Amino acid sequence: MTDSDTKSTTSRKTEHENGDQFQVAFDPQQQSATEILIHAVASVTDRRLDQIPILNDYIDPDALDVLFRPTGDELASGPDQSIFFRYAECDVRIDAGGAMTLSFDTKV
């Protein structure tokens, strides 16, 4: 992430009985959902960027960015849309408003 990405991105980790959640707030008008996701997953899973799976094996990164990139005054996906998928041992939810939640099971 660039310095501007780091400054305008907030994150919070919460522990639950069945696993942990890591929440990231980002600005879809200024930041790439794909880039934020990759860095968040690396952080949550305590891995370097080169140690996490290639995102393209799970979801099309360009399509993901298009869904959350503004087109004029609106997002391509609409203001109330969300997408769910599994990536790098995390359940991922991204909301059009810039909320990203990574859920993962901490029990083995």
PDB file of N, CA and C in Angstrom:
ATOM      1  N   MET A   1       0.838  -1.167   0.000  1.00  0.00           N
ATOM      2  CA  MET A   1       0.000   0.000   0.000  1.00  0.00           C
ATOM      3  C   MET A   1       0.880   1.225   0.000  1.00  0.00           C
ATOM      4  N   THR A   2       0.429   2.271  -0.612  1.00  0.00           N
ATOM      5  CA  THR A   2       1.165   3.519  -0.575  1.00  0.00           C
ATOM      6  C   THR A   2       0.867   4.215   0.740  1.00  0.00           C
ATOM      7  N   ASP A   3       1.622   5.279   1.028  1.00  0.00           N
ATOM      8  CA  ASP A   3       1.379   6.021   2.256  1.00  0.00           C
ATOM      9  C   ASP A   3      -0.038   6.572   2.308  1.00  0.00           C
ATOM     10  N   SER A   4      -0.560   7.036   1.163  1.00  0.00           N
ATOM     11  CA  SER A   4      -1.919   7.574   1.161  1.00  0.00           C
ATOM     12  C   SER A   4      -2.939   6.468   1.418  1.00  0.00           C
ATOM     13  N   ASP A   5      -2.662   5.237   0.942  1.00  0.00           N
ATOM     14  CA  ASP A   5      -3.563   4.115   1.220  1.00  0.00           C
ATOM     15  C   ASP A   5      -3.581   3.811   2.711  1.00  0.00           C
ATOM     16  N   THR A   6      -2.415   3.813   3.316  1.00  0.00           N
ATOM     17  CA  THR A   6      -2.308   3.482   4.723  1.00  0.00           C
ATOM     18  C   THR A   6      -3.012   4.527   5.584  1.00  0.00           C
ATOM     19  N   LYS A   7      -2.873   5.778   5.243  1.00  0.00           N
ATOM     20  CA  LYS A   7      -3.459   6.846   6.039  1.00  0.00           C
ATOM     21  C   LYS A   7      -4.977   6.847   5.982  1.00  0.00           C
ATOM     22  N   SER A   8      -5.556   6.461   4.857  1.00  0.00           N
ATOM     23  CA  SER A   8      -7.005   6.557   4.727  1.00  0.00           C
ATOM     24  C   SER A   8      -7.698   5.202   4.882  1.00  0.00           C
ATOM     25  N   THR A   9      -6.967   4.180   5.246  1.00  0.00           N
ATOM     26  CA  THR A   9      -7.540   2.864   5.465  1.00  0.00           C
ATOM     27  C   THR A   9      -7.514   2.574   6.966  1.00  0.00           C
ATOM     28  N   THR A  10      -8.651   2.153   7.497  1.00  0.00           N
ATOM     29  CA  THR A  10      -8.690   1.782   8.910  1.00  0.00           C
ATOM     30  C   THR A  10      -9.013   0.309   9.014  1.00  0.00           C
ATOM     31  N   SER A  11      -8.512  -0.314  10.051  1.00  0.00           N
ATOM     32  CA  SER A  11      -8.785  -1.736  10.229  1.00  0.00           C
ATOM     33  C   SER A  11      -9.025  -2.029  11.701  1.00  0.00           C
ATOM     34  N   ARG A  12      -9.725  -3.145  11.913  1.00  0.00           N
ATOM     35  CA  ARG A  12     -10.047  -3.562  13.278  1.00  0.00           C
ATOM     36  C   ARG A  12     -10.201  -5.073  13.277  1.00  0.00           C
ATOM     37  N   LYS A  13      -9.609  -5.715  14.262  1.00  0.00           N
ATOM     38  CA  LYS A  13      -9.725  -7.167  14.408  1.00  0.00           C
ATOM     39  C   LYS A  13     -10.614  -7.465  15.602  1.00  0.00           C
ATOM     40  N   THR A  14     -11.549  -8.405  15.420  1.00  0.00           N
ATOM     41  CA  THR A  14     -12.401  -8.828  16.527  1.00  0.00           C
ATOM     42  C   THR A  14     -12.339 -10.340  16.629  1.00  0.00           C
ATOM     43  N   GLU A  15     -12.358 -10.838  17.868  1.00  0.00           N
ATOM     44  CA  GLU A  15     -12.311 -12.273  18.097  1.00  0.00           C
ATOM     45  C   GLU A  15     -13.712 -12.785  18.403  1.00  0.00           C
ATOM     46  N   HIS A  16     -14.066 -13.918  17.809  1.00  0.00           N
ATOM     47  CA  HIS A  16     -15.356 -14.559  18.014  1.00  0.00           C
ATOM     48  C   HIS A  16     -15.129 -16.007  18.413  1.00  0.00           C
ATOM     49  N   GLU A  17     -16.140 -16.626  18.931  1.00  0.00           N
ATOM     50  CA  GLU A  17     -16.039 -18.016  19.372  1.00  0.00           C
ATOM     51  C   GLU A  17     -15.611 -18.948  18.248  1.00  0.00           C
ATOM     52  N   ASN A  18     -16.121 -18.720  17.047  1.00  0.00           N
ATOM     53  CA  ASN A  18     -15.833 -19.614  15.924  1.00  0.00           C
ATOM     54  C   ASN A  18     -14.709 -19.119  15.028  1.00  0.00           C
ATOM     55  N   GLY A  19     -14.060 -18.046  15.396  1.00  0.00           N
ATOM     56  CA  GLY A  19     -12.976 -17.529  14.570  1.00  0.00           C
ATOM     57  C   GLY A  19     -12.848 -16.031  14.743  1.00  0.00           C
ATOM     58  N   ASP A  20     -12.005 -15.430  13.946  1.00  0.00           N
ATOM     59  CA  ASP A  20     -11.754 -13.997  14.028  1.00  0.00           C
ATOM     60  C   ASP A  20     -12.283 -13.287  12.800  1.00  0.00           C
ATOM     61  N   GLN A  21     -12.524 -11.997  12.977  1.00  0.00           N
ATOM     62  CA  GLN A  21     -12.900 -11.140  11.862  1.00  0.00           C
ATOM     63  C   GLN A  21     -11.948  -9.959  11.831  1.00  0.00           C
ATOM     64  N   PHE A  22     -11.601  -9.569  10.640  1.00  0.00           N
ATOM     65  CA  PHE A  22     -10.738  -8.421  10.419  1.00  0.00           C
ATOM     66  C   PHE A  22     -11.511  -7.491   9.508  1.00  0.00           C
ATOM     67  N   GLN A  23     -11.775  -6.287   9.977  1.00  0.00           N
ATOM     68  CA  GLN A  23     -12.571  -5.349   9.192  1.00  0.00           C
ATOM     69  C   GLN A  23     -11.693  -4.207   8.709  1.00  0.00           C
ATOM     70  N   VAL A  24     -11.872  -3.859   7.455  1.00  0.00           N
ATOM     71  CA  VAL A  24     -11.109  -2.786   6.833  1.00  0.00           C
ATOM     72  C   VAL A  24     -12.096  -1.819   6.199  1.00  0.00           C
ATOM     73  N   ALA A  25     -11.910  -0.550   6.462  1.00  0.00           N
ATOM     74  CA  ALA A  25     -12.693   0.486   5.796  1.00  0.00           C
ATOM     75  C   ALA A  25     -11.771   1.166   4.783  1.00  0.00           C
ATOM     76  N   PHE A  26     -12.243   1.281   3.557  1.00  0.00           N
ATOM     77  CA  PHE A  26     -11.444   1.927   2.525  1.00  0.00           C
ATOM     78  C   PHE A  26     -12.337   2.852   1.702  1.00  0.00           C
ATOM     79  N   ASP A  27     -11.723   3.721   0.957  1.00  0.00           N
ATOM     80  CA  ASP A  27     -12.452   4.668   0.120  1.00  0.00           C
ATOM     81  C   ASP A  27     -12.456   4.162  -1.312  1.00  0.00           C
ATOM     82  N   PRO A  28     -13.590   3.620  -1.796  1.00  0.00           N
ATOM     83  CA  PRO A  28     -13.621   3.061  -3.150  1.00  0.00           C
ATOM     84  C   PRO A  28     -13.364   4.104  -4.239  1.00  0.00           C
ATOM     85  N   GLN A  29     -13.522   5.377  -3.912  1.00  0.00           N
ATOM     86  CA  GLN A  29     -13.251   6.414  -4.911  1.00  0.00           C
ATOM     87  C   GLN A  29     -11.761   6.696  -5.039  1.00  0.00           C
ATOM     88  N   GLN A  30     -11.001   6.332  -4.017  1.00  0.00           N
ATOM     89  CA  GLN A  30      -9.572   6.629  -4.003  1.00  0.00           C
ATOM     90  C   GLN A  30      -8.672   5.396  -4.021  1.00  0.00           C
ATOM     91  N   GLN A  31      -9.227   4.232  -3.644  1.00  0.00           N
ATOM     92  CA  GLN A  31      -8.393   3.051  -3.457  1.00  0.00           C
ATOM     93  C   GLN A  31      -8.946   1.848  -4.217  1.00  0.00           C
ATOM     94  N   SER A  32      -8.055   0.989  -4.616  1.00  0.00           N
ATOM     95  CA  SER A  32      -8.397  -0.239  -5.319  1.00  0.00           C
ATOM     96  C   SER A  32      -8.819  -1.312  -4.312  1.00  0.00           C
ATOM     97  N   ALA A  33     -10.010  -1.865  -4.483  1.00  0.00           N
ATOM     98  CA  ALA A  33     -10.481  -2.937  -3.607  1.00  0.00           C
ATOM     99  C   ALA A  33      -9.512  -4.123  -3.648  1.00  0.00           C
ATOM    100  N   THR A  34      -8.990  -4.425  -4.816  1.00  0.00           N
ATOM    101  CA  THR A  34      -8.064  -5.533  -4.976  1.00  0.00           C
ATOM    102  C   THR A  34      -6.784  -5.304  -4.173  1.00  0.00           C
ATOM    103  N   GLU A  35      -6.229  -4.129  -4.275  1.00  0.00           N
ATOM    104  CA  GLU A  35      -4.987  -3.832  -3.564  1.00  0.00           C
ATOM    105  C   GLU A  35      -5.196  -3.871  -2.054  1.00  0.00           C
ATOM    106  N   ILE A  36      -6.299  -3.297  -1.586  1.00  0.00           N
ATOM    107  CA  ILE A  36      -6.600  -3.311  -0.155  1.00  0.00           C
ATOM    108  C   ILE A  36      -6.791  -4.754   0.317  1.00  0.00           C
ATOM    109  N   LEU A  37      -7.509  -5.557  -0.463  1.00  0.00           N
ATOM    110  CA  LEU A  37      -7.762  -6.951  -0.107  1.00  0.00           C
ATOM    111  C   LEU A  37      -6.458  -7.738   0.031  1.00  0.00           C
ATOM    112  N   ILE A  38      -5.583  -7.619  -0.917  1.00  0.00           N
ATOM    113  CA  ILE A  38      -4.335  -8.376  -0.899  1.00  0.00           C
ATOM    114  C   ILE A  38      -3.503  -8.019   0.334  1.00  0.00           C
ATOM    115  N   HIS A  39      -3.412  -6.750   0.638  1.00  0.00           N
ATOM    116  CA  HIS A  39      -2.643  -6.326   1.807  1.00  0.00           C
ATOM    117  C   HIS A  39      -3.320  -6.754   3.107  1.00  0.00           C
ATOM    118  N   ALA A  40      -4.639  -6.685   3.144  1.00  0.00           N
ATOM    119  CA  ALA A  40      -5.369  -7.103   4.349  1.00  0.00           C
ATOM    120  C   ALA A  40      -5.198  -8.594   4.598  1.00  0.00           C
ATOM    121  N   VAL A  41      -5.305  -9.407   3.557  1.00  0.00           N
ATOM    122  CA  VAL A  41      -5.145 -10.853   3.710  1.00  0.00           C
ATOM    123  C   VAL A  41      -3.724 -11.185   4.167  1.00  0.00           C
ATOM    124  N   ALA A  42      -2.745 -10.530   3.606  1.00  0.00           N
ATOM    125  CA  ALA A  42      -1.361 -10.764   4.039  1.00  0.00           C
ATOM    126  C   ALA A  42      -1.207 -10.429   5.522  1.00  0.00           C
ATOM    127  N   SER A  43      -1.801  -9.333   5.938  1.00  0.00           N
ATOM    128  CA  SER A  43      -1.718  -8.925   7.336  1.00  0.00           C
ATOM    129  C   SER A  43      -2.430  -9.906   8.253  1.00  0.00           C
ATOM    130  N   VAL A  44      -3.647 -10.287   7.892  1.00  0.00           N
ATOM    131  CA  VAL A  44      -4.462 -11.177   8.719  1.00  0.00           C
ATOM    132  C   VAL A  44      -3.832 -12.560   8.845  1.00  0.00           C
ATOM    133  N   THR A  45      -3.284 -13.059   7.774  1.00  0.00           N
ATOM    134  CA  THR A  45      -2.711 -14.405   7.780  1.00  0.00           C
ATOM    135  C   THR A  45      -1.234 -14.413   8.165  1.00  0.00           C
ATOM    136  N   ASP A  46      -0.709 -13.224   8.480  1.00  0.00           N
ATOM    137  CA  ASP A  46       0.673 -13.074   8.903  1.00  0.00           C
ATOM    138  C   ASP A  46       1.651 -13.646   7.873  1.00  0.00           C
ATOM    139  N   ARG A  47       1.422 -13.257   6.617  1.00  0.00           N
ATOM    140  CA  ARG A  47       2.289 -13.697   5.518  1.00  0.00           C
ATOM    141  C   ARG A  47       2.785 -12.497   4.734  1.00  0.00           C
ATOM    142  N   ARG A  48       3.869 -12.696   4.022  1.00  0.00           N
ATOM    143  CA  ARG A  48       4.338 -11.683   3.081  1.00  0.00           C
ATOM    144  C   ARG A  48       3.452 -11.751   1.834  1.00  0.00           C
ATOM    145  N   LEU A  49       3.449 -10.677   1.055  1.00  0.00           N
ATOM    146  CA  LEU A  49       2.623 -10.637  -0.154  1.00  0.00           C
ATOM    147  C   LEU A  49       2.951 -11.781  -1.106  1.00  0.00           C
ATOM    148  N   ASP A  50       4.225 -12.167  -1.192  1.00  0.00           N
ATOM    149  CA  ASP A  50       4.593 -13.241  -2.107  1.00  0.00           C
ATOM    150  C   ASP A  50       4.249 -14.634  -1.564  1.00  0.00           C
ATOM    151  N   GLN A  51       3.690 -14.695  -0.344  1.00  0.00           N
ATOM    152  CA  GLN A  51       3.315 -15.974   0.251  1.00  0.00           C
ATOM    153  C   GLN A  51       1.813 -16.247   0.197  1.00  0.00           C
ATOM    154  N   ILE A  52       1.021 -15.275  -0.229  1.00  0.00           N
ATOM    155  CA  ILE A  52      -0.416 -15.511  -0.326  1.00  0.00           C
ATOM    156  C   ILE A  52      -0.762 -15.972  -1.741  1.00  0.00           C
ATOM    157  N   PRO A  53      -1.864 -16.699  -1.880  1.00  0.00           N
ATOM    158  CA  PRO A  53      -2.237 -17.199  -3.200  1.00  0.00           C
ATOM    159  C   PRO A  53      -2.515 -16.065  -4.196  1.00  0.00           C
ATOM    160  N   ILE A  54      -2.374 -16.385  -5.439  1.00  0.00           N
ATOM    161  CA  ILE A  54      -2.675 -15.419  -6.500  1.00  0.00           C
ATOM    162  C   ILE A  54      -4.177 -15.180  -6.513  1.00  0.00           C
ATOM    163  N   LEU A  55      -4.570 -13.933  -6.393  1.00  0.00           N
ATOM    164  CA  LEU A  55      -5.990 -13.574  -6.318  1.00  0.00           C
ATOM    165  C   LEU A  55      -6.748 -14.037  -7.557  1.00  0.00           C
ATOM    166  N   ASN A  56      -6.105 -13.995  -8.691  1.00  0.00           N
ATOM    167  CA  ASN A  56      -6.743 -14.376  -9.953  1.00  0.00           C
ATOM    168  C   ASN A  56      -7.213 -15.832  -9.959  1.00  0.00           C
ATOM    169  N   ASP A  57      -6.657 -16.665  -9.093  1.00  0.00           N
ATOM    170  CA  ASP A  57      -7.105 -18.059  -8.987  1.00  0.00           C
ATOM    171  C   ASP A  57      -8.445 -18.173  -8.272  1.00  0.00           C
ATOM    172  N   TYR A  58      -8.885 -17.092  -7.628  1.00  0.00           N
ATOM    173  CA  TYR A  58     -10.123 -17.092  -6.844  1.00  0.00           C
ATOM    174  C   TYR A  58     -11.204 -16.196  -7.446  1.00  0.00           C
ATOM    175  N   ILE A  59     -10.790 -15.036  -7.935  1.00  0.00           N
ATOM    176  CA  ILE A  59     -11.725 -14.062  -8.487  1.00  0.00           C
ATOM    177  C   ILE A  59     -10.948 -13.170  -9.452  1.00  0.00           C
ATOM    178  N   ASP A  60     -11.626 -12.651 -10.445  1.00  0.00           N
ATOM    179  CA  ASP A  60     -10.987 -11.764 -11.423  1.00  0.00           C
ATOM    180  C   ASP A  60     -10.721 -10.406 -10.758  1.00  0.00           C
ATOM    181  N   PRO A  61      -9.454 -10.051 -10.530  1.00  0.00           N
ATOM    182  CA  PRO A  61      -9.142  -8.793  -9.854  1.00  0.00           C
ATOM    183  C   PRO A  61      -9.641  -7.562 -10.610  1.00  0.00           C
ATOM    184  N   ASP A  62      -9.570  -7.593 -11.932  1.00  0.00           N
ATOM    185  CA  ASP A  62     -10.055  -6.453 -12.711  1.00  0.00           C
ATOM    186  C   ASP A  62     -11.561  -6.280 -12.544  1.00  0.00           C
ATOM    187  N   ALA A  63     -12.297  -7.387 -12.563  1.00  0.00           N
ATOM    188  CA  ALA A  63     -13.746  -7.322 -12.366  1.00  0.00           C
ATOM    189  C   ALA A  63     -14.077  -6.817 -10.963  1.00  0.00           C
ATOM    190  N   LEU A  64     -13.305  -7.252  -9.978  1.00  0.00           N
ATOM    191  CA  LEU A  64     -13.527  -6.797  -8.609  1.00  0.00           C
ATOM    192  C   LEU A  64     -13.341  -5.288  -8.512  1.00  0.00           C
ATOM    193  N   ASP A  65     -12.279  -4.780  -9.110  1.00  0.00           N
ATOM    194  CA  ASP A  65     -12.051  -3.335  -9.076  1.00  0.00           C
ATOM    195  C   ASP A  65     -13.137  -2.565  -9.827  1.00  0.00           C
ATOM    196  N   VAL A  66     -13.604  -3.120 -10.944  1.00  0.00           N
ATOM    197  CA  VAL A  66     -14.667  -2.453 -11.696  1.00  0.00           C
ATOM    198  C   VAL A  66     -15.948  -2.368 -10.865  1.00  0.00           C
ATOM    199  N   LEU A  67     -16.259  -3.421 -10.129  1.00  0.00           N
ATOM    200  CA  LEU A  67     -17.461  -3.409  -9.293  1.00  0.00           C
ATOM    201  C   LEU A  67     -17.447  -2.289  -8.266  1.00  0.00           C
ATOM    202  N   PHE A  68     -16.279  -1.974  -7.742  1.00  0.00           N
ATOM    203  CA  PHE A  68     -16.193  -1.002  -6.664  1.00  0.00           C
ATOM    204  C   PHE A  68     -15.551   0.313  -7.066  1.00  0.00           C
ATOM    205  N   ARG A  69     -15.347   0.503  -8.371  1.00  0.00           N
ATOM    206  CA  ARG A  69     -14.806   1.760  -8.877  1.00  0.00           C
ATOM    207  C   ARG A  69     -15.971   2.675  -9.245  1.00  0.00           C
ATOM    208  N   PRO A  70     -15.938   3.907  -8.778  1.00  0.00           N
ATOM    209  CA  PRO A  70     -17.038   4.820  -9.108  1.00  0.00           C
ATOM    210  C   PRO A  70     -17.085   5.134 -10.600  1.00  0.00           C
ATOM    211  N   THR A  71     -18.290   5.254 -11.116  1.00  0.00           N
ATOM    212  CA  THR A  71     -18.511   5.709 -12.484  1.00  0.00           C
ATOM    213  C   THR A  71     -19.355   6.968 -12.373  1.00  0.00           C
ATOM    214  N   GLY A  72     -18.706   8.109 -12.413  1.00  0.00           N
ATOM    215  CA  GLY A  72     -19.423   9.350 -12.164  1.00  0.00           C
ATOM    216  C   GLY A  72     -19.711   9.475 -10.684  1.00  0.00           C
ATOM    217  N   ASP A  73     -20.964   9.649 -10.345  1.00  0.00           N
ATOM    218  CA  ASP A  73     -21.361   9.817  -8.950  1.00  0.00           C
ATOM    219  C   ASP A  73     -21.733   8.508  -8.275  1.00  0.00           C
ATOM    220  N   GLU A  74     -21.742   7.394  -9.008  1.00  0.00           N
ATOM    221  CA  GLU A  74     -22.197   6.119  -8.447  1.00  0.00           C
ATOM    222  C   GLU A  74     -21.153   5.035  -8.651  1.00  0.00           C
ATOM    223  N   LEU A  75     -21.238   4.008  -7.827  1.00  0.00           N
ATOM    224  CA  LEU A  75     -20.402   2.827  -8.007  1.00  0.00           C
ATOM    225  C   LEU A  75     -21.030   1.939  -9.060  1.00  0.00           C
ATOM    226  N   ALA A  76     -20.214   1.217  -9.792  1.00  0.00           N
ATOM    227  CA  ALA A  76     -20.731   0.308 -10.822  1.00  0.00           C
ATOM    228  C   ALA A  76     -21.646  -0.743 -10.219  1.00  0.00           C
ATOM    229  N   SER A  77     -21.372  -1.143  -8.976  1.00  0.00           N
ATOM    230  CA  SER A  77     -22.149  -2.204  -8.342  1.00  0.00           C
ATOM    231  C   SER A  77     -23.417  -1.698  -7.663  1.00  0.00           C
ATOM    232  N   GLY A  78     -23.587  -0.425  -7.540  1.00  0.00           N
ATOM    233  CA  GLY A  78     -24.740   0.118  -6.822  1.00  0.00           C
ATOM    234  C   GLY A  78     -24.396   0.312  -5.364  1.00  0.00           C
ATOM    235  N   PRO A  79     -25.071   1.230  -4.688  1.00  0.00           N
ATOM    236  CA  PRO A  79     -24.689   1.597  -3.328  1.00  0.00           C
ATOM    237  C   PRO A  79     -24.917   0.525  -2.269  1.00  0.00           C
ATOM    238  N   ASP A  80     -25.801  -0.420  -2.507  1.00  0.00           N
ATOM    239  CA  ASP A  80     -26.132  -1.422  -1.488  1.00  0.00           C
ATOM    240  C   ASP A  80     -25.641  -2.823  -1.838  1.00  0.00           C
ATOM    241  N   GLN A  81     -24.723  -2.932  -2.756  1.00  0.00           N
ATOM    242  CA  GLN A  81     -24.272  -4.239  -3.217  1.00  0.00           C
ATOM    243  C   GLN A  81     -23.084  -4.748  -2.398  1.00  0.00           C
ATOM    244  N   SER A  82     -23.007  -6.063  -2.300  1.00  0.00           N
ATOM    245  CA  SER A  82     -21.885  -6.730  -1.628  1.00  0.00           C
ATOM    246  C   SER A  82     -21.468  -7.924  -2.469  1.00  0.00           C
ATOM    247  N   ILE A  83     -20.253  -8.338  -2.276  1.00  0.00           N
ATOM    248  CA  ILE A  83     -19.768  -9.550  -2.922  1.00  0.00           C
ATOM    249  C   ILE A  83     -19.119 -10.414  -1.834  1.00  0.00           C
ATOM    250  N   PHE A  84     -19.320 -11.723  -1.945  1.00  0.00           N
ATOM    251  CA  PHE A  84     -18.778 -12.693  -0.999  1.00  0.00           C
ATOM    252  C   PHE A  84     -17.966 -13.722  -1.776  1.00  0.00           C
ATOM    253  N   PHE A  85     -16.815 -14.105  -1.250  1.00  0.00           N
ATOM    254  CA  PHE A  85     -16.022 -15.181  -1.841  1.00  0.00           C
ATOM    255  C   PHE A  85     -14.988 -15.639  -0.824  1.00  0.00           C
ATOM    256  N   ARG A  86     -14.352 -16.753  -1.121  1.00  0.00           N
ATOM    257  CA  ARG A  86     -13.319 -17.315  -0.236  1.00  0.00           C
ATOM    258  C   ARG A  86     -11.972 -17.092  -0.900  1.00  0.00           C
ATOM    259  N   TYR A  87     -11.004 -16.619  -0.112  1.00  0.00           N
ATOM    260  CA  TYR A  87      -9.669 -16.351  -0.637  1.00  0.00           C
ATOM    261  C   TYR A  87      -8.646 -16.547   0.478  1.00  0.00           C
ATOM    262  N   ALA A  88      -7.658 -17.341   0.213  1.00  0.00           N
ATOM    263  CA  ALA A  88      -6.527 -17.535   1.128  1.00  0.00           C
ATOM    264  C   ALA A  88      -6.977 -17.847   2.548  1.00  0.00           C
ATOM    265  N   GLU A  89      -7.854 -18.832   2.673  1.00  0.00           N
ATOM    266  CA  GLU A  89      -8.347 -19.297   3.970  1.00  0.00           C
ATOM    267  C   GLU A  89      -9.212 -18.265   4.701  1.00  0.00           C
ATOM    268  N   CYS A  90      -9.688 -17.266   3.974  1.00  0.00           N
ATOM    269  CA  CYS A  90     -10.546 -16.231   4.554  1.00  0.00           C
ATOM    270  C   CYS A  90     -11.858 -16.155   3.781  1.00  0.00           C
ATOM    271  N   ASP A  91     -12.949 -15.948   4.498  1.00  0.00           N
ATOM    272  CA  ASP A  91     -14.216 -15.600   3.869  1.00  0.00           C
ATOM    273  C   ASP A  91     -14.215 -14.086   3.731  1.00  0.00           C
ATOM    274  N   VAL A  92     -14.403 -13.616   2.519  1.00  0.00           N
ATOM    275  CA  VAL A  92     -14.290 -12.198   2.222  1.00  0.00           C
ATOM    276  C   VAL A  92     -15.659 -11.628   1.888  1.00  0.00           C
ATOM    277  N   ARG A  93     -15.977 -10.492   2.468  1.00  0.00           N
ATOM    278  CA  ARG A  93     -17.170  -9.732   2.100  1.00  0.00           C
ATOM    279  C   ARG A  93     -16.707  -8.303   1.841  1.00  0.00           C
ATOM    280  N   ILE A  94     -17.078  -7.785   0.677  1.00  0.00           N
ATOM    281  CA  ILE A  94     -16.781  -6.399   0.346  1.00  0.00           C
ATOM    282  C   ILE A  94     -18.099  -5.710   0.029  1.00  0.00           C
ATOM    283  N   ASP A  95     -18.340  -4.596   0.702  1.00  0.00           N
ATOM    284  CA  ASP A  95     -19.543  -3.809   0.479  1.00  0.00           C
ATOM    285  C   ASP A  95     -19.199  -2.602  -0.379  1.00  0.00           C
ATOM    286  N   ALA A  96     -20.157  -2.169  -1.176  1.00  0.00           N
ATOM    287  CA  ALA A  96     -19.945  -1.061  -2.094  1.00  0.00           C
ATOM    288  C   ALA A  96     -19.515   0.219  -1.389  1.00  0.00           C
ATOM    289  N   GLY A  97     -19.912   0.390  -0.151  1.00  0.00           N
ATOM    290  CA  GLY A  97     -19.562   1.602   0.585  1.00  0.00           C
ATOM    291  C   GLY A  97     -18.136   1.648   1.095  1.00  0.00           C
ATOM    292  N   GLY A  98     -17.366   0.585   0.886  1.00  0.00           N
ATOM    293  CA  GLY A  98     -15.973   0.580   1.299  1.00  0.00           C
ATOM    294  C   GLY A  98     -15.696  -0.196   2.569  1.00  0.00           C
ATOM    295  N   ALA A  99     -16.584  -1.095   2.935  1.00  0.00           N
ATOM    296  CA  ALA A  99     -16.347  -1.956   4.095  1.00  0.00           C
ATOM    297  C   ALA A  99     -15.924  -3.339   3.606  1.00  0.00           C
ATOM    298  N   MET A 100     -14.839  -3.834   4.148  1.00  0.00           N
ATOM    299  CA  MET A 100     -14.335  -5.159   3.795  1.00  0.00           C
ATOM    300  C   MET A 100     -14.206  -5.960   5.084  1.00  0.00           C
ATOM    301  N   THR A 101     -14.745  -7.170   5.087  1.00  0.00           N
ATOM    302  CA  THR A 101     -14.644  -8.037   6.260  1.00  0.00           C
ATOM    303  C   THR A 101     -13.999  -9.356   5.846  1.00  0.00           C
ATOM    304  N   LEU A 102     -12.951  -9.732   6.567  1.00  0.00           N
ATOM    305  CA  LEU A 102     -12.281 -11.015   6.362  1.00  0.00           C
ATOM    306  C   LEU A 102     -12.569 -11.850   7.595  1.00  0.00           C
ATOM    307  N   SER A 103     -13.168 -13.009   7.412  1.00  0.00           N
ATOM    308  CA  SER A 103     -13.458 -13.921   8.519  1.00  0.00           C
ATOM    309  C   SER A 103     -12.629 -15.173   8.324  1.00  0.00           C
ATOM    310  N   PHE A 104     -12.054 -15.647   9.402  1.00  0.00           N
ATOM    311  CA  PHE A 104     -11.259 -16.866   9.297  1.00  0.00           C
ATOM    312  C   PHE A 104     -11.360 -17.657  10.567  1.00  0.00           C
ATOM    313  N   ASP A 105     -11.284 -18.963  10.410  1.00  0.00           N
ATOM    314  CA  ASP A 105     -11.383 -19.887  11.527  1.00  0.00           C
ATOM    315  C   ASP A 105     -10.035 -20.004  12.204  1.00  0.00           C
ATOM    316  N   THR A 106     -10.009 -19.757  13.489  1.00  0.00           N
ATOM    317  CA  THR A 106      -8.752 -19.850  14.227  1.00  0.00           C
ATOM    318  C   THR A 106      -8.587 -21.178  14.921  1.00  0.00           C
ATOM    319  N   LYS A 107      -9.620 -22.026  14.847  1.00  0.00           N
ATOM    320  CA  LYS A 107      -9.547 -23.341  15.487  1.00  0.00           C
ATOM    321  C   LYS A 107      -9.098 -24.380  14.482  1.00  0.00           C
ATOM    322  N   VAL A 108      -8.246 -25.264  14.911  1.00  0.00           N
ATOM    323  CA  VAL A 108      -7.755 -26.309  14.009  1.00  0.00           C
ATOM    324  C   VAL A 108      -8.325 -27.639  14.434  1.00  0.00           C
TER     325      VAL A 108
END
